[in-house]
């Protein structure tokens, strides 16, 4: 009988050890699964941060490109305005030159001998005769 009780106690100890081993293995599996899930979560979060950083960098590049395009547009507009100013100056200069030429033509016509008119004495009723 004593042998049976020791044998029974040995069986109980073996069963307890096996159950503990199973519990430990289940715990290891649970910890492993939780670790894998955490790694996946960290990878997803890091990927989201990287994607957000890429989106921000693309946004910065777009803003820089738009800024450069705007600067180019402003420079082109300034050149167009300067060309317009030059054209206006040339036109005004041509008008002034035309007026001066017309005045010179009129003055040369007035100064010609034998010309009579309102500038050369027609106002007073006398005809100008500059012939020698």
Protein backbone atom coordinates (compact mmCIF):
# COMPACT_ATOMS: atom_id res chain seq x y z
CA UNK A 1 0.00 0.00 0.00
CA UNK A 2 2.78 2.37 0.76
CA UNK A 3 4.10 1.73 -2.70
CA UNK A 4 0.78 2.72 -4.25
CA UNK A 5 0.63 5.92 -2.27
CA UNK A 6 4.13 6.87 -3.38
CA UNK A 7 3.27 5.90 -6.91
CA UNK A 8 0.08 7.96 -6.75
CA UNK A 9 1.99 10.91 -5.34
CA UNK A 10 4.52 10.56 -8.19
CA UNK A 11 1.69 10.58 -10.73
CA UNK A 12 0.20 13.69 -9.14
CA UNK A 13 3.58 15.42 -9.23
CA UNK A 14 4.08 14.45 -12.88
CA UNK A 15 0.58 15.69 -13.77
CA UNK A 16 1.20 18.98 -11.96
CA UNK A 17 4.55 19.42 -13.72
CA UNK A 18 2.96 18.65 -17.10
CA UNK A 19 0.10 21.09 -16.43
CA UNK A 20 2.60 23.75 -15.38
CA UNK A 21 4.63 23.09 -18.52
CA UNK A 22 1.49 23.44 -20.65
CA UNK A 23 0.55 26.68 -18.85
CA UNK A 24 4.06 28.03 -19.37
CA UNK A 25 3.98 27.05 -23.06
CA UNK A 26 0.57 28.69 -23.49
CA UNK A 27 1.93 31.78 -21.74
CA UNK A 28 4.95 31.78 -24.04
CA UNK A 29 2.65 31.49 -27.07
CA UNK A 30 0.43 34.31 -25.76
CA UNK A 31 3.46 36.52 -25.10
CA UNK A 32 4.80 35.69 -28.57
CA UNK A 33 1.46 36.51 -30.22
CA UNK A 34 1.17 39.75 -28.23
CA UNK A 35 4.75 40.60 -29.20
CA UNK A 36 4.01 39.96 -32.88
CA UNK A 37 0.86 42.08 -32.65
CA UNK A 38 2.82 44.87 -30.98
CA UNK A 39 5.51 44.67 -33.67
CA UNK A 40 2.80 44.86 -36.35
CA UNK A 41 1.23 47.85 -34.58
CA UNK A 42 4.61 49.58 -34.31
CA UNK A 43 5.34 48.87 -37.98
CA UNK A 44 1.93 50.26 -38.98
CA UNK A 45 2.46 53.37 -36.85
CA UNK A 46 5.97 53.88 -38.24
CA UNK A 47 4.64 53.38 -41.76
CA UNK A 48 1.90 55.95 -41.10
CA UNK A 49 4.48 58.41 -39.79
CA UNK A 50 6.70 57.80 -42.83
CA UNK A 51 3.74 58.24 -45.19
CA UNK A 52 2.77 61.45 -43.40
CA UNK A 53 6.36 62.70 -43.64
CA UNK A 54 6.40 61.90 -47.36
CA UNK A 55 3.09 63.74 -47.80
CA UNK A 56 4.50 66.74 -45.92
CA UNK A 57 7.68 66.67 -48.03
CA UNK A 58 5.62 66.46 -51.22
CA UNK A 59 3.56 69.38 -49.95
CA UNK A 60 6.73 71.36 -49.28
CA UNK A 61 8.02 70.55 -52.77
CA UNK A 62 4.69 71.62 -54.28
CA UNK A 63 4.77 74.87 -52.30
CA UNK A 64 8.36 75.54 -53.40
CA UNK A 65 7.53 74.78 -57.05
CA UNK A 66 4.45 77.00 -56.92
CA UNK A 67 6.54 79.73 -55.30
CA UNK A 68 9.18 79.48 -58.02
CA UNK A 69 6.48 79.56 -60.70
CA UNK A 70 4.94 82.62 -59.06
CA UNK A 71 8.35 84.35 -58.97
CA UNK A 72 8.84 83.55 -62.66
CA UNK A 73 5.36 84.89 -63.44
CA UNK A 74 6.08 88.09 -61.51
CA UNK A 75 9.41 88.52 -63.31
CA UNK A 76 7.73 87.95 -66.69
CA UNK A 77 5.02 90.45 -65.78
CA UNK A 78 7.68 92.97 -64.75
CA UNK A 79 9.47 92.46 -68.07
CA UNK A 80 6.18 92.92 -69.93
CA UNK A 81 5.50 96.12 -67.99
CA UNK A 82 9.02 97.40 -68.70
CA UNK A 83 8.61 96.60 -72.40
CA UNK A 84 5.27 98.41 -72.32
CA UNK A 85 6.92 101.43 -70.70
CA UNK A 86 9.63 101.39 -73.36
CA UNK A 87 6.97 101.19 -76.10
CA UNK A 88 5.07 104.11 -74.54
CA UNK A 89 8.29 106.13 -74.28
CA UNK A 90 9.12 105.38 -77.92
CA UNK A 91 5.61 106.35 -79.03
CA UNK A 92 5.70 109.57 -76.97
CA UNK A 93 9.14 110.31 -78.38
CA UNK A 94 7.84 109.73 -81.91
CA UNK A 95 4.91 112.07 -81.26
CA UNK A 96 7.22 114.74 -79.83
CA UNK A 97 9.60 114.35 -82.77
CA UNK A 98 6.64 114.58 -85.16
CA UNK A 99 5.37 117.74 -83.48
CA UNK A 100 8.85 119.26 -83.53
CA UNK A 101 9.29 118.33 -87.20
CA UNK A 102 5.89 119.81 -88.02
CA UNK A 103 6.83 122.98 -86.16
CA UNK A 104 10.13 123.15 -88.03
CA UNK A 105 8.33 122.68 -91.35
CA UNK A 106 5.89 125.44 -90.47
CA UNK A 107 8.70 127.71 -89.28
CA UNK A 108 10.74 127.04 -92.40
CA UNK A 109 7.69 127.77 -94.55
CA UNK A 110 7.12 131.00 -92.65
CA UNK A 111 10.73 132.01 -93.08
CA UNK A 112 10.71 131.49 -96.86
CA UNK A 113 10.83 134.72 -98.87
CA UNK A 114 7.57 135.84 -100.42
CA UNK A 115 5.36 133.84 -98.08
CA UNK A 116 2.38 135.67 -96.70
CA UNK A 117 0.13 134.48 -93.99
CA UNK A 118 -1.09 135.12 -90.53
CA UNK A 119 2.32 134.40 -89.03
CA UNK A 120 4.30 136.47 -91.45
CA UNK A 121 2.38 139.67 -91.33
CA UNK A 122 -1.01 138.77 -92.74
CA UNK A 123 -2.51 139.79 -89.44
CA UNK A 124 -1.42 143.37 -89.86
CA UNK A 125 -2.46 143.39 -93.51
CA UNK A 126 1.03 143.75 -94.89
CA UNK A 127 2.65 141.16 -97.05
CA UNK A 128 6.19 140.16 -96.19
CA UNK A 129 8.57 140.32 -99.09
CA UNK A 130 12.07 139.36 -98.16
CA UNK A 131 13.49 139.39 -101.67
CA UNK A 132 16.59 141.53 -101.96
